[in-house]
């Protein structure tokens, strides 16, 4: 009965969208295409809304994609047709056109006992920024032959949440498991780390230790906890495809 009720709620939203006009006064037309980095919100069985880093809260008043399965808090790149502003409590009603889910992970504790699991192999990092409550990472990698590579955001368990310098200190770890194919071809990928377990509101920002293939070990400092989406990430249609990561 609960599942049936959820479907009826979703149907009411969709039908209501059909009854509204999409005139010039609305500012949108059928065929207007936009995109955003979004966080998935599960509204019910098979019913999703999205919180966009740029567009705010979005509800699919119409749908152009079907049979996709998402989980609460998952990050994705959403291509959509905006239809209505202020849509029944949401910032905008949309028609979802394409969605590319991203690998989404939590911050993990690093201890002497598990440090070998995370390794610290040189990583090919293309862009990193904090937005939507996540550390978003665009990277490339040499494709593995058999084993999924592991990308992790870790915090040393024996360190305080906020260091003496006022920053949260984290490390980006990459484990290839010794399984990489040769050649110069690098495959793109994205991973997003949920930062909701960290006291961001009490810290100056985040200092991230990385080991980059081109630049070696160094520290990246993030003072802005809600950065705009970088230009090279605004049209990232293919980076969500599987590249054997965990």
Protein backbone atom coordinates (compact mmCIF):
# COMPACT_ATOMS: atom_id res chain seq x y z
CA UNK A 1 0.00 0.00 0.00
CA UNK A 2 2.87 2.38 0.84
CA UNK A 3 4.56 1.70 -2.49
CA UNK A 4 1.31 2.31 -4.36
CA UNK A 5 0.82 5.57 -2.50
CA UNK A 6 4.34 6.74 -3.45
CA UNK A 7 3.65 6.07 -7.11
CA UNK A 8 0.40 8.05 -6.88
CA UNK A 9 2.29 11.00 -5.37
CA UNK A 10 4.81 10.90 -8.21
CA UNK A 11 2.00 10.66 -10.76
CA UNK A 12 0.28 13.72 -9.28
CA UNK A 13 3.50 15.75 -9.65
CA UNK A 14 3.88 14.68 -13.27
CA UNK A 15 0.25 15.37 -14.16
CA UNK A 16 0.38 18.75 -12.46
CA UNK A 17 3.38 19.62 -14.60
CA UNK A 18 1.44 18.70 -17.71
CA UNK A 19 -1.38 21.04 -16.72
CA UNK A 20 0.96 24.02 -16.34
CA UNK A 21 1.86 26.01 -19.42
CA UNK A 22 5.40 26.41 -20.63
CA UNK A 23 4.98 29.89 -22.06
CA UNK A 24 7.56 32.56 -22.70
CA UNK A 25 6.69 34.04 -19.29
CA UNK A 26 8.13 30.94 -17.63
CA UNK A 27 11.49 31.63 -19.23
CA UNK A 28 11.88 28.05 -20.52
CA UNK A 29 10.90 26.19 -23.66
CA UNK A 30 10.70 22.54 -24.59
CA UNK A 31 14.16 21.73 -25.89
CA UNK A 32 16.08 24.09 -23.60
CA UNK A 33 18.91 21.93 -22.27
CA UNK A 34 20.88 22.52 -19.08
CA UNK A 35 23.18 20.42 -16.94
CA UNK A 36 24.33 20.35 -13.33
CA UNK A 37 26.22 18.32 -10.79
CA UNK A 38 23.53 16.95 -8.49
CA UNK A 39 22.94 14.94 -5.35
CA UNK A 40 20.20 12.32 -5.55
CA UNK A 41 17.28 12.45 -3.11
CA UNK A 42 15.12 9.34 -2.89
CA UNK A 43 11.50 10.46 -2.51
CA UNK A 44 9.97 6.97 -2.69
CA UNK A 45 10.16 3.66 -4.47
CA UNK A 46 11.56 4.56 -7.88
CA UNK A 47 10.89 8.28 -7.29
CA UNK A 48 13.82 10.70 -7.17
CA UNK A 49 14.46 14.41 -6.88
CA UNK A 50 17.80 16.17 -7.24
CA UNK A 51 19.68 18.92 -5.45
CA UNK A 52 21.86 20.70 -7.99
CA UNK A 53 25.00 22.59 -7.06
CA UNK A 54 23.84 25.43 -9.33
CA UNK A 55 20.10 24.97 -9.93
CA UNK A 56 19.00 24.03 -6.41
CA UNK A 57 16.22 21.52 -5.77
CA UNK A 58 14.73 19.86 -8.86
CA UNK A 59 11.77 17.52 -9.34
CA UNK A 60 11.17 15.60 -12.59
CA UNK A 61 7.83 16.98 -13.77
CA UNK A 62 8.42 14.87 -16.88
CA UNK A 63 10.96 12.20 -17.65
CA UNK A 64 13.01 11.28 -20.68
CA UNK A 65 14.92 8.43 -19.04
CA UNK A 66 13.60 5.28 -17.40
CA UNK A 67 14.70 2.21 -15.46
CA UNK A 68 17.61 3.82 -13.68
CA UNK A 69 18.36 2.92 -10.06
CA UNK A 70 19.93 5.50 -7.75
CA UNK A 71 20.61 5.69 -4.03
CA UNK A 72 20.22 8.47 -1.49
CA UNK A 73 23.16 10.85 -1.49
CA UNK A 74 24.63 9.59 -4.75
CA UNK A 75 26.32 12.19 -6.92
CA UNK A 76 25.64 12.43 -10.64
CA UNK A 77 25.86 14.62 -13.72
CA UNK A 78 22.32 15.46 -14.82
CA UNK A 79 21.29 16.71 -18.25
CA UNK A 80 17.78 18.14 -18.19
CA UNK A 81 15.20 20.42 -19.74
CA UNK A 82 14.13 23.07 -17.17
CA UNK A 83 10.36 23.56 -17.34
CA UNK A 84 8.97 25.54 -14.38
CA UNK A 85 10.37 27.72 -11.60
CA UNK A 86 9.05 27.31 -8.03
CA UNK A 87 7.57 23.92 -8.79
CA UNK A 88 5.51 22.68 -5.79
CA UNK A 89 8.17 23.47 -3.21
CA UNK A 90 11.12 22.73 -5.49
CA UNK A 91 13.25 25.41 -7.10
CA UNK A 92 12.54 24.07 -10.58
CA UNK A 93 10.51 21.39 -12.32
CA UNK A 94 12.47 19.57 -14.99
CA UNK A 95 12.42 16.89 -17.64
CA UNK A 96 15.39 14.62 -16.99
CA UNK A 97 17.14 13.77 -20.25
CA UNK A 98 20.34 11.94 -19.25
CA UNK A 99 21.99 11.02 -15.98
CA UNK A 100 25.54 9.83 -15.34
CA UNK A 101 25.95 8.49 -11.78
CA UNK A 102 29.33 8.98 -10.12
CA UNK A 103 31.19 6.81 -7.66
CA UNK A 104 30.22 8.29 -4.29
CA UNK A 105 32.08 7.49 -1.08
CA UNK A 106 32.48 8.59 2.54
CA UNK A 107 35.56 9.81 4.39
CA UNK A 108 37.31 6.81 5.96
CA UNK A 109 39.51 6.47 9.03
CA UNK A 110 43.18 5.75 8.41
CA UNK A 111 44.95 3.65 11.05
CA UNK A 112 48.31 1.87 11.24
CA UNK A 113 46.41 -1.40 10.84
CA UNK A 114 44.67 -0.50 7.57
CA UNK A 115 47.17 1.89 5.95
CA UNK A 116 48.44 -0.74 3.52
CA UNK A 117 44.89 -1.25 2.19
CA UNK A 118 44.76 2.34 0.96
CA UNK A 119 48.32 2.49 -0.40
CA UNK A 120 49.54 5.83 -1.79
CA UNK A 121 50.28 5.32 -5.46
CA UNK A 122 50.73 8.38 -7.69
CA UNK A 123 47.38 9.61 -9.00
CA UNK A 124 46.49 11.52 -12.17
CA UNK A 125 44.30 14.31 -10.78
CA UNK A 126 42.66 16.68 -13.25
CA UNK A 127 40.47 18.86 -11.01
CA UNK A 128 39.29 18.95 -7.41
CA UNK A 129 36.78 21.27 -5.74
CA UNK A 130 34.28 21.32 -2.90
CA UNK A 131 30.64 21.83 -3.82
CA UNK A 132 27.27 20.47 -2.77
CA UNK A 133 28.78 19.17 0.47
CA UNK A 134 31.20 16.89 -1.42
CA UNK A 135 34.83 16.86 -2.46
CA UNK A 136 34.49 16.30 -6.20
CA UNK A 137 37.46 14.77 -8.00
CA UNK A 138 37.99 14.43 -11.75
CA UNK A 139 40.87 12.10 -12.51
CA UNK A 140 42.36 9.89 -15.17
CA UNK A 141 43.88 6.45 -14.72
CA UNK A 142 45.67 3.71 -16.54
CA UNK A 143 43.06 1.03 -17.07
CA UNK A 144 43.50 -2.09 -14.92
CA UNK A 145 43.59 -5.52 -16.50
CA UNK A 146 41.74 -7.36 -13.73
CA UNK A 147 41.42 -5.61 -10.37
CA UNK A 148 39.44 -2.49 -9.64
CA UNK A 149 41.63 0.36 -8.47
CA UNK A 150 40.72 1.98 -5.16
CA UNK A 151 40.40 5.72 -4.60
CA UNK A 152 39.90 6.89 -1.03
CA UNK A 153 39.63 10.04 1.04
CA UNK A 154 41.00 9.33 4.51
CA UNK A 155 41.51 11.05 7.82
CA UNK A 156 44.07 9.83 10.30
CA UNK A 157 42.08 8.39 13.21
CA UNK A 158 44.64 9.51 15.80
CA UNK A 159 44.43 13.15 14.71
CA UNK A 160 41.86 15.71 16.00
CA UNK A 161 38.97 16.67 13.74
CA UNK A 162 40.44 20.16 13.44
CA UNK A 163 44.21 20.65 13.64
CA UNK A 164 45.99 23.46 15.49
CA UNK A 165 46.11 25.51 12.28
CA UNK A 166 42.30 25.52 12.14
CA UNK A 167 42.06 23.19 9.13
CA UNK A 168 40.74 19.66 8.67
CA UNK A 169 43.61 17.52 7.40
CA UNK A 170 42.75 14.74 4.93
CA UNK A 171 44.64 12.53 2.49
CA UNK A 172 43.73 11.31 -0.99
CA UNK A 173 44.88 7.71 -1.38
CA UNK A 174 45.11 5.62 -4.55
CA UNK A 175 45.70 1.86 -4.72
CA UNK A 176 46.35 0.28 -8.13
CA UNK A 177 46.93 -3.16 -6.58
CA UNK A 178 49.86 -3.36 -8.95
CA UNK A 179 47.48 -3.89 -11.86
CA UNK A 180 47.80 -1.33 -14.63
CA UNK A 181 48.10 -1.70 -18.37
CA UNK A 182 50.96 0.03 -20.12
CA UNK A 183 50.64 2.73 -22.72
CA UNK A 184 49.85 6.41 -22.61
CA UNK A 185 46.05 6.15 -22.89
CA UNK A 186 44.40 7.39 -19.70
CA UNK A 187 40.73 6.80 -18.94
CA UNK A 188 38.62 9.53 -17.28
CA UNK A 189 36.71 9.06 -14.06
CA UNK A 190 34.96 10.89 -11.24
CA UNK A 191 34.66 10.22 -7.54
CA UNK A 192 32.74 12.34 -5.01
CA UNK A 193 33.33 12.18 -1.26
CA UNK A 194 30.57 13.07 1.18
CA UNK A 195 31.92 15.52 3.75
CA UNK A 196 28.90 15.44 6.07
CA UNK A 197 30.87 13.70 8.85
CA UNK A 198 33.32 16.61 9.11
CA UNK A 199 32.87 19.84 11.15
CA UNK A 200 33.16 22.10 8.11
CA UNK A 201 31.31 24.96 9.81
CA UNK A 202 33.93 25.14 12.58
CA UNK A 203 37.06 24.86 10.44
CA UNK A 204 38.92 27.36 8.26
CA UNK A 205 38.84 24.82 5.46
CA UNK A 206 40.45 21.57 4.34
CA UNK A 207 44.09 20.75 3.70
CA UNK A 208 44.40 17.73 1.43
CA UNK A 209 47.59 15.74 1.02
CA UNK A 210 47.89 14.25 -2.47
CA UNK A 211 50.50 12.23 -4.32
CA UNK A 212 50.27 13.28 -7.96
CA UNK A 213 51.93 11.45 -10.81
CA UNK A 214 53.22 14.69 -12.32
CA UNK A 215 53.90 16.82 -9.24
CA UNK A 216 54.67 14.39 -6.42
CA UNK A 217 53.45 14.82 -2.86
CA UNK A 218 52.03 18.21 -1.90
CA UNK A 219 49.19 19.87 -0.01
CA UNK A 220 46.07 21.38 -1.60
CA UNK A 221 44.24 23.97 0.50
CA UNK A 222 40.50 24.52 0.20
CA UNK A 223 39.19 27.65 1.93
CA UNK A 224 35.88 27.82 0.06
CA UNK A 225 33.48 25.07 1.12
CA UNK A 226 31.06 25.77 -1.72
CA UNK A 227 33.00 26.49 -4.89
CA UNK A 228 31.33 27.02 -8.27
CA UNK A 229 31.55 24.16 -10.75
CA UNK A 230 34.76 24.48 -12.81
CA UNK A 231 34.31 25.15 -16.50
CA UNK A 232 35.86 21.82 -17.51
CA UNK A 233 33.30 20.00 -15.35
CA UNK A 234 30.21 21.67 -16.80
CA UNK A 235 30.10 19.46 -19.90
CA UNK A 236 31.39 16.23 -18.43
CA UNK A 237 29.13 13.77 -20.23
CA UNK A 238 31.27 10.63 -20.14
CA UNK A 239 33.29 10.74 -16.94
CA UNK A 240 30.65 8.79 -15.02
CA UNK A 241 31.19 5.65 -17.07
CA UNK A 242 32.71 2.73 -15.24
CA UNK A 243 36.50 2.61 -15.23
CA UNK A 244 36.90 -0.19 -12.69
CA UNK A 245 37.14 1.84 -9.48
CA UNK A 246 36.08 1.09 -5.94
